[in-house]
């Protein structure tokens, strides 16, 4: 398979979506004193990871673009849980892409303890010869959820997806502690935002 031309529109989609969402963050800051977006990152899935996923899910190579949704991945990280739903609502109102699926792993967390909100979108990329529709995944999560998920990802990599039971249990407890932190922070959200506003005015 010739990977470079195949992945080119995904790279373009990631760059464009990052610019657009960072622009949205700036607009929020201008219009109100609080932006629900803390920061935005993005990546194109490495080729070995694409092949591994295709193998695990029995996806033929010529079906990769239709069946692997996260070749292009965007992550939006927020301070508070309700910021996540503010962003989801805002993304639903956009007309530069189509949302094809939503997965709320916050109200229905994964067994591992993983929490995040996923949107699968169909994004049009203007190529020289054609307009190409690519699938991309937008993950929206809090700083605490992101901290937990980053560490879980590293452990999954270390143990090749077979995390020992004791470590798994510790991870689940850590996930609950992270969510408890999010809940407590939400209760003092207004005080935190007032402090941030005062700091910015200085």
N, C-alpha and C. Protein backbone atom coordinates (compact mmCIF):
# COMPACT_ATOMS: atom_id res chain seq x y z
N UNK A 1 0.84 -1.20 0.00
CA UNK A 1 0.00 0.00 0.00
C UNK A 1 0.88 1.25 0.00
N UNK A 2 0.47 2.24 -0.81
CA UNK A 2 1.20 3.50 -0.86
C UNK A 2 0.63 4.43 0.21
N UNK A 3 1.30 4.46 1.37
CA UNK A 3 0.75 5.15 2.55
C UNK A 3 0.72 6.66 2.43
N UNK A 4 1.79 7.23 1.81
CA UNK A 4 1.90 8.70 1.83
C UNK A 4 0.70 9.41 1.20
N UNK A 5 0.31 9.06 -0.05
CA UNK A 5 -0.88 9.74 -0.61
C UNK A 5 -2.17 9.39 0.14
N UNK A 6 -2.22 8.18 0.70
CA UNK A 6 -3.43 7.78 1.43
C UNK A 6 -3.60 8.61 2.71
N UNK A 7 -2.47 8.87 3.40
CA UNK A 7 -2.54 9.57 4.68
C UNK A 7 -2.54 11.10 4.54
N UNK A 8 -2.17 11.60 3.34
CA UNK A 8 -2.07 13.06 3.13
C UNK A 8 -3.36 13.81 3.52
N UNK A 9 -4.57 13.37 3.06
CA UNK A 9 -5.78 14.11 3.45
C UNK A 9 -6.05 14.06 4.96
N UNK A 10 -5.63 12.98 5.63
CA UNK A 10 -5.82 12.88 7.08
C UNK A 10 -4.93 13.90 7.79
N UNK A 11 -3.69 14.04 7.29
CA UNK A 11 -2.78 15.04 7.88
C UNK A 11 -3.35 16.43 7.71
N UNK A 12 -3.91 16.69 6.52
CA UNK A 12 -4.50 18.00 6.26
C UNK A 12 -5.71 18.25 7.17
N UNK A 13 -6.54 17.21 7.33
CA UNK A 13 -7.73 17.32 8.19
C UNK A 13 -7.32 17.67 9.62
N UNK A 14 -6.30 16.98 10.14
CA UNK A 14 -5.83 17.23 11.52
C UNK A 14 -5.36 18.67 11.66
N UNK A 15 -4.55 19.14 10.71
CA UNK A 15 -4.02 20.51 10.80
C UNK A 15 -5.15 21.55 10.73
N UNK A 16 -6.10 21.33 9.81
CA UNK A 16 -7.21 22.28 9.66
C UNK A 16 -8.10 22.30 10.90
N UNK A 17 -8.41 21.12 11.43
CA UNK A 17 -9.28 21.05 12.61
C UNK A 17 -8.61 21.67 13.84
N UNK A 18 -7.29 21.47 13.97
CA UNK A 18 -6.56 22.08 15.09
C UNK A 18 -6.64 23.61 15.00
N UNK A 19 -6.42 24.14 13.80
CA UNK A 19 -6.48 25.60 13.61
C UNK A 19 -7.88 26.13 13.94
N UNK A 20 -8.91 25.42 13.45
CA UNK A 20 -10.29 25.86 13.67
C UNK A 20 -10.66 25.84 15.15
N UNK A 21 -10.27 24.78 15.85
CA UNK A 21 -10.64 24.67 17.27
C UNK A 21 -9.83 25.63 18.14
N UNK A 22 -8.58 25.88 17.75
CA UNK A 22 -7.80 26.88 18.48
C UNK A 22 -8.39 28.27 18.25
N UNK A 23 -8.89 28.49 17.04
CA UNK A 23 -9.58 29.75 16.72
C UNK A 23 -10.84 29.91 17.55
N UNK A 24 -11.56 28.82 17.74
CA UNK A 24 -12.78 28.82 18.57
C UNK A 24 -12.42 29.19 20.01
N UNK A 25 -11.31 28.65 20.49
CA UNK A 25 -10.85 28.96 21.86
C UNK A 25 -10.62 30.47 22.00
N UNK A 26 -9.96 31.06 21.01
CA UNK A 26 -9.69 32.51 21.04
C UNK A 26 -10.99 33.30 21.02
N UNK A 27 -11.96 32.86 20.18
CA UNK A 27 -13.25 33.55 20.11
C UNK A 27 -13.97 33.51 21.46
N UNK A 28 -13.95 32.35 22.10
CA UNK A 28 -14.57 32.22 23.44
C UNK A 28 -13.93 33.22 24.40
N UNK A 29 -12.62 33.33 24.34
CA UNK A 29 -11.90 34.23 25.26
C UNK A 29 -12.28 35.69 25.01
N UNK A 30 -12.52 36.04 23.74
CA UNK A 30 -12.91 37.41 23.41
C UNK A 30 -14.35 37.70 23.83
N UNK A 31 -15.23 36.69 23.65
CA UNK A 31 -16.66 36.91 23.90
C UNK A 31 -17.04 36.78 25.37
N UNK A 32 -16.37 35.90 26.07
CA UNK A 32 -16.69 35.71 27.49
C UNK A 32 -15.38 35.54 28.24
N UNK A 33 -15.50 35.50 29.55
CA UNK A 33 -14.26 35.42 30.33
C UNK A 33 -13.75 34.00 30.48
N UNK A 34 -14.55 33.01 30.07
CA UNK A 34 -14.11 31.62 30.22
C UNK A 34 -14.20 30.88 28.89
N UNK A 35 -13.08 30.26 28.51
CA UNK A 35 -13.12 29.39 27.33
C UNK A 35 -13.24 27.95 27.80
N UNK A 36 -14.21 27.18 27.26
CA UNK A 36 -14.32 25.77 27.68
C UNK A 36 -13.16 24.93 27.15
N UNK A 37 -12.41 25.48 26.19
CA UNK A 37 -11.28 24.74 25.61
C UNK A 37 -10.00 25.17 26.31
N UNK A 38 -9.34 24.22 26.95
CA UNK A 38 -8.06 24.48 27.61
C UNK A 38 -6.93 24.39 26.58
N UNK A 39 -6.87 23.25 25.87
CA UNK A 39 -5.92 23.13 24.76
C UNK A 39 -6.39 22.07 23.77
N UNK A 40 -5.80 22.10 22.57
CA UNK A 40 -6.17 21.20 21.47
C UNK A 40 -4.91 20.52 20.94
N UNK A 41 -4.98 19.20 20.77
CA UNK A 41 -3.86 18.49 20.12
C UNK A 41 -4.43 17.63 19.01
N UNK A 42 -3.57 17.14 18.15
CA UNK A 42 -4.04 16.27 17.06
C UNK A 42 -2.90 15.42 16.53
N UNK A 43 -3.27 14.29 15.95
CA UNK A 43 -2.25 13.42 15.36
C UNK A 43 -2.87 12.53 14.30
N UNK A 44 -2.02 12.04 13.39
CA UNK A 44 -2.44 10.99 12.45
C UNK A 44 -1.88 9.69 13.01
N UNK A 45 -2.73 8.67 13.07
CA UNK A 45 -2.33 7.38 13.65
C UNK A 45 -1.10 6.83 12.92
N UNK A 46 -0.07 6.40 13.65
CA UNK A 46 1.10 5.83 12.98
C UNK A 46 0.73 4.56 12.20
N UNK A 47 1.43 4.32 11.11
CA UNK A 47 1.13 3.17 10.24
C UNK A 47 1.12 1.83 11.01
N UNK A 48 2.13 1.53 11.88
CA UNK A 48 2.07 0.27 12.64
C UNK A 48 0.78 0.13 13.47
N UNK A 49 0.30 1.26 14.04
CA UNK A 49 -0.94 1.22 14.85
C UNK A 49 -2.15 0.96 13.97
N UNK A 50 -2.15 1.53 12.76
CA UNK A 50 -3.26 1.29 11.82
C UNK A 50 -3.29 -0.20 11.46
N UNK A 51 -2.11 -0.75 11.15
CA UNK A 51 -2.02 -2.18 10.76
C UNK A 51 -2.42 -3.09 11.91
N UNK A 52 -2.00 -2.73 13.13
CA UNK A 52 -2.35 -3.52 14.32
C UNK A 52 -3.86 -3.54 14.54
N UNK A 53 -4.50 -2.37 14.39
CA UNK A 53 -5.95 -2.26 14.58
C UNK A 53 -6.69 -3.06 13.50
N UNK A 54 -6.20 -2.95 12.27
CA UNK A 54 -6.82 -3.68 11.16
C UNK A 54 -6.73 -5.19 11.39
N UNK A 55 -5.57 -5.63 11.90
CA UNK A 55 -5.36 -7.06 12.16
C UNK A 55 -6.28 -7.54 13.30
N UNK A 56 -6.32 -6.77 14.40
CA UNK A 56 -7.14 -7.13 15.56
C UNK A 56 -8.62 -7.22 15.19
N UNK A 57 -9.06 -6.30 14.32
CA UNK A 57 -10.50 -6.25 13.98
C UNK A 57 -10.83 -6.93 12.66
N UNK A 58 -9.86 -7.64 12.09
CA UNK A 58 -10.05 -8.34 10.81
C UNK A 58 -10.57 -7.42 9.70
N UNK A 59 -9.95 -6.24 9.60
CA UNK A 59 -10.35 -5.27 8.57
C UNK A 59 -9.40 -5.42 7.38
N UNK A 60 -9.93 -5.71 6.18
CA UNK A 60 -9.05 -5.80 5.01
C UNK A 60 -8.40 -4.44 4.73
N UNK A 61 -7.17 -4.46 4.20
CA UNK A 61 -6.44 -3.21 3.97
C UNK A 61 -7.19 -2.23 3.09
N UNK A 62 -7.93 -2.74 2.10
CA UNK A 62 -8.65 -1.82 1.21
C UNK A 62 -9.92 -1.25 1.86
N UNK A 63 -10.21 -1.66 3.10
CA UNK A 63 -11.39 -1.14 3.83
C UNK A 63 -11.01 -0.23 4.99
N UNK A 64 -9.70 -0.02 5.17
CA UNK A 64 -9.20 0.75 6.32
C UNK A 64 -9.86 2.11 6.45
N UNK A 65 -9.99 2.83 5.33
CA UNK A 65 -10.50 4.21 5.39
C UNK A 65 -11.97 4.27 5.81
N UNK A 66 -12.72 3.20 5.53
CA UNK A 66 -14.14 3.17 5.90
C UNK A 66 -14.36 2.67 7.32
N UNK A 67 -13.48 1.78 7.78
CA UNK A 67 -13.75 1.07 9.04
C UNK A 67 -12.90 1.51 10.23
N UNK A 68 -11.80 2.24 9.98
CA UNK A 68 -11.02 2.77 11.10
C UNK A 68 -11.31 4.25 11.19
N UNK A 69 -11.98 4.63 12.29
CA UNK A 69 -12.49 6.00 12.42
C UNK A 69 -11.47 7.00 12.95
N UNK A 70 -10.40 6.48 13.57
CA UNK A 70 -9.50 7.41 14.26
C UNK A 70 -8.11 7.52 13.62
N UNK A 71 -8.05 7.36 12.29
CA UNK A 71 -6.76 7.60 11.62
C UNK A 71 -6.36 9.06 11.85
N UNK A 72 -7.36 9.94 11.73
CA UNK A 72 -7.15 11.35 12.12
C UNK A 72 -7.78 11.53 13.49
N UNK A 73 -6.99 12.00 14.45
CA UNK A 73 -7.51 12.15 15.81
C UNK A 73 -7.24 13.54 16.36
N UNK A 74 -8.28 14.14 16.93
CA UNK A 74 -8.18 15.45 17.57
C UNK A 74 -8.58 15.29 19.03
N UNK A 75 -7.83 15.92 19.92
CA UNK A 75 -8.19 15.87 21.33
C UNK A 75 -8.40 17.30 21.84
N UNK A 76 -9.56 17.51 22.45
CA UNK A 76 -9.88 18.81 23.05
C UNK A 76 -9.93 18.59 24.56
N UNK A 77 -9.10 19.33 25.29
CA UNK A 77 -9.03 19.15 26.74
C UNK A 77 -9.60 20.39 27.44
N UNK A 78 -10.43 20.13 28.47
CA UNK A 78 -11.17 21.19 29.17
C UNK A 78 -10.82 21.17 30.65
N UNK A 79 -11.23 22.24 31.34
CA UNK A 79 -11.05 22.30 32.80
C UNK A 79 -12.15 21.54 33.53
N UNK A 80 -13.40 21.69 33.07
CA UNK A 80 -14.55 21.18 33.82
C UNK A 80 -15.40 20.24 32.97
N UNK A 81 -16.10 19.31 33.65
CA UNK A 81 -16.94 18.33 32.95
C UNK A 81 -18.01 19.03 32.10
N UNK A 82 -18.67 20.07 32.64
CA UNK A 82 -19.73 20.70 31.84
C UNK A 82 -19.18 21.45 30.62
N UNK A 83 -17.86 21.78 30.62
CA UNK A 83 -17.23 22.36 29.43
C UNK A 83 -17.30 21.38 28.25
N UNK A 84 -17.21 20.09 28.58
CA UNK A 84 -17.24 19.05 27.53
C UNK A 84 -18.55 19.17 26.75
N UNK A 85 -19.67 19.28 27.48
CA UNK A 85 -20.98 19.33 26.82
C UNK A 85 -21.21 20.67 26.10
N UNK A 86 -20.57 21.73 26.60
CA UNK A 86 -20.62 23.02 25.90
C UNK A 86 -19.95 22.88 24.52
N UNK A 87 -18.81 22.18 24.50
CA UNK A 87 -18.07 21.98 23.24
C UNK A 87 -18.86 21.07 22.30
N UNK A 88 -19.44 20.00 22.85
CA UNK A 88 -20.24 19.08 22.02
C UNK A 88 -21.38 19.84 21.35
N UNK A 89 -22.08 20.66 22.12
CA UNK A 89 -23.19 21.45 21.58
C UNK A 89 -22.70 22.39 20.48
N UNK A 90 -21.55 23.02 20.72
CA UNK A 90 -20.97 23.93 19.74
C UNK A 90 -20.60 23.18 18.45
N UNK A 91 -20.01 21.99 18.59
CA UNK A 91 -19.61 21.20 17.42
C UNK A 91 -20.82 20.71 16.62
N UNK A 92 -21.91 20.40 17.34
CA UNK A 92 -23.14 19.97 16.65
C UNK A 92 -23.69 21.08 15.76
N UNK A 93 -23.42 22.32 16.13
CA UNK A 93 -23.94 23.46 15.36
C UNK A 93 -23.08 23.86 14.17
N UNK A 94 -21.94 23.22 13.99
CA UNK A 94 -21.05 23.60 12.89
C UNK A 94 -21.52 22.99 11.57
N UNK A 95 -21.20 23.67 10.47
CA UNK A 95 -21.61 23.11 9.16
C UNK A 95 -20.42 22.80 8.25
N UNK A 96 -19.19 22.79 8.83
CA UNK A 96 -18.02 22.46 8.00
C UNK A 96 -17.64 20.98 8.09
N UNK A 97 -18.44 20.20 8.85
CA UNK A 97 -18.28 18.75 8.86
C UNK A 97 -19.60 18.13 9.32
N UNK A 98 -19.71 16.81 9.16
CA UNK A 98 -20.92 16.09 9.57
C UNK A 98 -20.57 15.14 10.69
N UNK A 99 -21.35 15.17 11.77
CA UNK A 99 -21.15 14.20 12.86
C UNK A 99 -21.87 12.90 12.47
N UNK A 100 -21.13 11.80 12.45
CA UNK A 100 -21.75 10.53 12.07
C UNK A 100 -22.02 9.62 13.27
N UNK A 101 -21.33 9.90 14.39
CA UNK A 101 -21.56 9.07 15.59
C UNK A 101 -21.08 9.82 16.83
N UNK A 102 -21.79 9.61 17.94
CA UNK A 102 -21.37 10.18 19.22
C UNK A 102 -21.31 9.07 20.26
N UNK A 103 -20.26 9.10 21.09
CA UNK A 103 -20.12 8.11 22.15
C UNK A 103 -19.82 8.84 23.45
N UNK A 104 -20.75 8.76 24.40
CA UNK A 104 -20.58 9.43 25.68
C UNK A 104 -20.04 8.44 26.71
N UNK A 105 -18.71 8.44 26.86
CA UNK A 105 -18.08 7.56 27.85
C UNK A 105 -17.92 8.27 29.20
N UNK A 106 -18.68 9.38 29.37
CA UNK A 106 -18.64 10.06 30.67
C UNK A 106 -19.82 9.59 31.50
N UNK A 107 -21.02 9.64 30.90
CA UNK A 107 -22.18 9.12 31.63
C UNK A 107 -22.17 7.58 31.62
N UNK A 108 -21.55 7.00 30.58
CA UNK A 108 -21.42 5.53 30.52
C UNK A 108 -19.94 5.21 30.34
N UNK A 109 -19.21 5.22 31.45
CA UNK A 109 -17.75 4.99 31.37
C UNK A 109 -17.46 3.55 30.91
N UNK A 110 -16.25 3.37 30.37
CA UNK A 110 -15.82 2.03 29.98
C UNK A 110 -15.49 1.23 31.25
N UNK A 111 -15.46 -0.08 31.11
CA UNK A 111 -15.19 -0.96 32.25
C UNK A 111 -13.85 -0.63 32.92
N UNK A 112 -12.88 -0.21 32.10
CA UNK A 112 -11.54 0.11 32.61
C UNK A 112 -11.55 1.34 33.52
N UNK A 113 -12.61 2.16 33.39
CA UNK A 113 -12.65 3.43 34.12
C UNK A 113 -12.51 4.63 33.17
N UNK A 114 -12.23 4.33 31.90
CA UNK A 114 -12.01 5.38 30.90
C UNK A 114 -13.24 6.27 30.74
N UNK A 115 -13.00 7.59 30.76
CA UNK A 115 -14.07 8.56 30.51
C UNK A 115 -13.61 9.56 29.47
N UNK A 116 -14.51 9.88 28.55
CA UNK A 116 -14.22 10.85 27.49
C UNK A 116 -15.47 10.94 26.63
N UNK A 117 -15.58 11.99 25.83
CA UNK A 117 -16.70 12.10 24.89
C UNK A 117 -16.10 12.02 23.50
N UNK A 118 -16.60 11.08 22.68
CA UNK A 118 -16.06 10.90 21.33
C UNK A 118 -17.08 11.31 20.28
N UNK A 119 -16.62 12.05 19.30
CA UNK A 119 -17.42 12.35 18.11
C UNK A 119 -16.68 11.79 16.91
N UNK A 120 -17.39 11.02 16.09
CA UNK A 120 -16.82 10.60 14.80
C UNK A 120 -17.41 11.55 13.77
N UNK A 121 -16.53 12.22 13.02
CA UNK A 121 -17.02 13.18 12.04
C UNK A 121 -16.54 12.82 10.64
N UNK A 122 -17.29 13.30 9.66
CA UNK A 122 -16.88 13.18 8.26
C UNK A 122 -16.46 14.59 7.83
N UNK A 123 -15.19 14.73 7.49
CA UNK A 123 -14.63 16.05 7.24
C UNK A 123 -14.19 16.17 5.78
N UNK A 124 -14.64 17.22 5.05
CA UNK A 124 -14.24 17.37 3.65
C UNK A 124 -12.88 18.07 3.53
N UNK A 125 -11.96 17.40 2.85
CA UNK A 125 -10.63 17.96 2.62
C UNK A 125 -10.50 18.34 1.15
N UNK A 126 -10.14 19.59 0.89
CA UNK A 126 -9.95 20.05 -0.49
C UNK A 126 -8.57 19.63 -0.99
N UNK A 127 -8.54 18.63 -1.86
CA UNK A 127 -7.29 18.21 -2.48
C UNK A 127 -7.15 18.93 -3.83
N UNK A 128 -6.01 18.81 -4.48
CA UNK A 128 -5.80 19.50 -5.77
C UNK A 128 -6.82 19.04 -6.80
N UNK A 129 -6.99 17.71 -6.90
CA UNK A 129 -7.89 17.17 -7.93
C UNK A 129 -9.34 16.99 -7.48
N UNK A 130 -9.52 16.83 -6.16
CA UNK A 130 -10.86 16.45 -5.70
C UNK A 130 -11.10 16.90 -4.28
N UNK A 131 -12.37 16.78 -3.88
CA UNK A 131 -12.71 16.96 -2.46
C UNK A 131 -12.83 15.56 -1.88
N UNK A 132 -12.09 15.29 -0.80
CA UNK A 132 -12.12 13.95 -0.22
C UNK A 132 -12.72 14.01 1.18
N UNK A 133 -13.70 13.14 1.43
CA UNK A 133 -14.31 13.06 2.75
C UNK A 133 -13.52 12.06 3.60
N UNK A 134 -13.00 12.52 4.73
CA UNK A 134 -12.27 11.60 5.60
C UNK A 134 -12.97 11.52 6.95
N UNK A 135 -12.86 10.35 7.58
CA UNK A 135 -13.40 10.18 8.93
C UNK A 135 -12.34 10.62 9.93
N UNK A 136 -12.77 11.31 10.97
CA UNK A 136 -11.86 11.73 12.04
C UNK A 136 -12.57 11.58 13.37
N UNK A 137 -11.78 11.38 14.41
CA UNK A 137 -12.36 11.26 15.75
C UNK A 137 -11.95 12.45 16.59
N UNK A 138 -12.94 13.09 17.22
CA UNK A 138 -12.66 14.17 18.16
C UNK A 138 -12.96 13.65 19.56
N UNK A 139 -11.94 13.64 20.42
CA UNK A 139 -12.12 13.23 21.82
C UNK A 139 -12.13 14.48 22.68
N UNK A 140 -13.13 14.58 23.56
CA UNK A 140 -13.23 15.74 24.44
C UNK A 140 -13.22 15.23 25.88
N UNK A 141 -12.29 15.76 26.67
CA UNK A 141 -12.16 15.26 28.05
C UNK A 141 -11.57 16.35 28.95
N UNK A 142 -11.68 16.13 30.25
CA UNK A 142 -11.08 17.08 31.21
C UNK A 142 -9.59 16.79 31.36
N UNK A 143 -8.90 17.71 32.04
CA UNK A 143 -7.48 17.51 32.33
C UNK A 143 -7.27 16.24 33.15
N UNK A 144 -8.15 16.00 34.13
CA UNK A 144 -8.02 14.80 34.98
C UNK A 144 -8.24 13.52 34.17
N UNK A 145 -9.27 13.52 33.30
CA UNK A 145 -9.53 12.36 32.42
C UNK A 145 -8.35 12.12 31.48
N UNK A 146 -7.78 13.22 30.99
CA UNK A 146 -6.66 13.12 30.05
C UNK A 146 -5.42 12.53 30.73
N UNK A 147 -5.17 12.98 31.97
CA UNK A 147 -4.04 12.46 32.75
C UNK A 147 -4.18 10.95 32.95
N UNK A 148 -5.40 10.52 33.34
CA UNK A 148 -5.65 9.09 33.56
C UNK A 148 -5.49 8.30 32.25
N UNK A 149 -6.11 8.79 31.17
CA UNK A 149 -6.12 8.06 29.89
C UNK A 149 -4.71 7.94 29.30
N UNK A 150 -3.89 8.99 29.48
CA UNK A 150 -2.51 8.96 28.98
C UNK A 150 -1.72 7.86 29.68
N UNK A 151 -1.91 7.76 31.00
CA UNK A 151 -1.20 6.73 31.77
C UNK A 151 -1.72 5.33 31.46
N UNK A 152 -3.04 5.20 31.27
CA UNK A 152 -3.61 3.89 30.92
C UNK A 152 -3.09 3.43 29.57
N UNK A 153 -2.98 4.38 28.63
CA UNK A 153 -2.48 4.07 27.29
C UNK A 153 -1.04 3.54 27.36
N UNK A 154 -0.21 4.18 28.20
CA UNK A 154 1.19 3.74 28.37
C UNK A 154 1.25 2.34 28.95
N UNK A 155 0.38 2.06 29.94
CA UNK A 155 0.37 0.73 30.55
C UNK A 155 -0.13 -0.34 29.58
N UNK A 156 -1.13 0.02 28.77
CA UNK A 156 -1.62 -0.91 27.74
C UNK A 156 -0.51 -1.26 26.76
N UNK A 157 0.28 -0.26 26.42
CA UNK A 157 1.41 -0.46 25.49
C UNK A 157 2.45 -1.37 26.14
N UNK A 158 2.77 -1.08 27.41
CA UNK A 158 3.78 -1.87 28.13
C UNK A 158 3.39 -3.34 28.24
N UNK A 159 2.10 -3.58 28.57
CA UNK A 159 1.64 -4.95 28.80
C UNK A 159 0.94 -5.55 27.57
N UNK A 160 1.10 -4.91 26.41
CA UNK A 160 0.48 -5.38 25.15
C UNK A 160 -1.01 -5.66 25.34
N UNK A 161 -1.71 -4.75 26.05
CA UNK A 161 -3.17 -4.87 26.22
C UNK A 161 -3.59 -5.82 27.33
N UNK A 162 -2.61 -6.52 27.95
CA UNK A 162 -2.94 -7.49 29.02
C UNK A 162 -2.43 -6.95 30.36
N UNK A 163 -3.06 -5.89 30.85
CA UNK A 163 -2.62 -5.28 32.11
C UNK A 163 -2.91 -6.24 33.27
N UNK A 164 -1.93 -6.47 34.16
CA UNK A 164 -2.17 -7.37 35.30
C UNK A 164 -3.36 -6.90 36.15
N UNK A 165 -4.04 -7.88 36.75
CA UNK A 165 -5.27 -7.61 37.51
C UNK A 165 -5.07 -6.54 38.59
N UNK A 166 -3.97 -6.66 39.35
CA UNK A 166 -3.72 -5.72 40.44
C UNK A 166 -3.58 -4.28 39.91
N UNK A 167 -2.85 -4.15 38.80
CA UNK A 167 -2.64 -2.82 38.18
C UNK A 167 -3.97 -2.30 37.64
N UNK A 168 -4.75 -3.21 37.04
CA UNK A 168 -6.08 -2.85 36.50
C UNK A 168 -6.97 -2.28 37.60
N UNK A 169 -6.96 -2.94 38.76
CA UNK A 169 -7.78 -2.49 39.89
C UNK A 169 -7.33 -1.12 40.39
N UNK A 170 -6.01 -0.92 40.43
CA UNK A 170 -5.48 0.38 40.85
C UNK A 170 -5.90 1.47 39.85
N UNK A 171 -5.85 1.11 38.57
CA UNK A 171 -6.27 2.05 37.52
C UNK A 171 -7.73 2.44 37.67
N UNK A 172 -8.57 1.44 37.96
CA UNK A 172 -10.01 1.72 38.15
C UNK A 172 -10.23 2.65 39.35
N UNK A 173 -9.47 2.41 40.42
CA UNK A 173 -9.58 3.29 41.60
C UNK A 173 -9.10 4.70 41.25
N UNK A 174 -8.03 4.77 40.48
CA UNK A 174 -7.48 6.07 40.06
C UNK A 174 -8.48 6.81 39.18
N UNK A 175 -9.19 6.07 38.31
CA UNK A 175 -10.21 6.68 37.45
C UNK A 175 -11.32 7.31 38.28
N UNK A 176 -11.73 6.59 39.34
CA UNK A 176 -12.78 7.13 40.22
C UNK A 176 -12.28 8.35 40.99
N UNK A 177 -11.01 8.31 41.41
CA UNK A 177 -10.42 9.46 42.11
C UNK A 177 -10.35 10.66 41.18
N UNK A 178 -9.98 10.41 39.92
CA UNK A 178 -9.89 11.51 38.93
C UNK A 178 -11.27 12.12 38.71
N UNK A 179 -12.30 11.27 38.65
CA UNK A 179 -13.66 11.79 38.42
C UNK A 179 -14.16 12.54 39.65
N UNK A 180 -13.78 12.05 40.83
CA UNK A 180 -14.14 12.74 42.08
C UNK A 180 -13.51 14.14 42.08
N UNK A 181 -12.28 14.22 41.63
CA UNK A 181 -11.59 15.51 41.51
C UNK A 181 -12.37 16.44 40.58
N UNK A 182 -12.79 15.90 39.43
CA UNK A 182 -13.59 16.70 38.48
C UNK A 182 -14.88 17.20 39.14
N UNK A 183 -15.54 16.32 39.89
CA UNK A 183 -16.81 16.70 40.54
C UNK A 183 -16.58 17.80 41.59
N UNK A 184 -15.52 17.65 42.38
CA UNK A 184 -15.22 18.66 43.41
C UNK A 184 -14.86 20.00 42.77
N UNK A 185 -14.08 19.96 41.70
CA UNK A 185 -13.69 21.20 41.00
C UNK A 185 -14.91 21.89 40.40
N UNK A 186 -15.86 21.09 39.92
CA UNK A 186 -17.09 21.66 39.35
C UNK A 186 -17.87 22.44 40.40
N UNK A 187 -17.80 21.99 41.66
CA UNK A 187 -18.53 22.65 42.74
C UNK A 187 -17.95 24.03 43.07
N UNK A 188 -16.64 24.21 42.80
CA UNK A 188 -16.03 25.52 43.08
C UNK A 188 -15.63 26.23 41.77
N UNK A 189 -16.31 25.82 40.69
CA UNK A 189 -16.01 26.35 39.36
C UNK A 189 -16.04 27.88 39.32
N UNK A 190 -17.09 28.48 39.89
CA UNK A 190 -17.26 29.94 39.80
C UNK A 190 -16.14 30.67 40.54
N UNK A 191 -15.74 30.14 41.69
CA UNK A 191 -14.63 30.74 42.43
C UNK A 191 -13.33 30.66 41.63
N UNK A 192 -13.11 29.50 40.99
CA UNK A 192 -11.89 29.31 40.18
C UNK A 192 -11.89 30.30 39.01
N UNK A 193 -13.05 30.42 38.34
CA UNK A 193 -13.14 31.32 37.18
C UNK A 193 -12.95 32.79 37.58
N UNK A 194 -13.51 33.15 38.74
CA UNK A 194 -13.32 34.53 39.22
C UNK A 194 -11.85 34.80 39.49
N UNK A 195 -11.18 33.83 40.09
CA UNK A 195 -9.74 33.96 40.38
C UNK A 195 -8.95 34.11 39.08
N UNK A 196 -9.33 33.30 38.06
CA UNK A 196 -8.64 33.36 36.75
C UNK A 196 -8.86 34.71 36.08
N UNK A 197 -10.09 35.23 36.19
CA UNK A 197 -10.40 36.54 35.60
C UNK A 197 -9.57 37.64 36.26
N UNK A 198 -9.50 37.58 37.59
CA UNK A 198 -8.71 38.59 38.34
C UNK A 198 -7.23 38.52 37.95
N UNK A 199 -6.75 37.30 37.76
CA UNK A 199 -5.34 37.09 37.40
C UNK A 199 -5.08 37.67 36.01
N UNK A 200 -6.04 37.43 35.08
CA UNK A 200 -5.87 37.94 33.70
C UNK A 200 -5.91 39.46 33.67
N UNK A 201 -6.77 40.07 34.53
CA UNK A 201 -6.87 41.53 34.54
C UNK A 201 -5.54 42.17 34.98
N UNK A 202 -4.83 41.49 35.86
CA UNK A 202 -3.52 42.00 36.33
C UNK A 202 -2.51 41.97 35.18
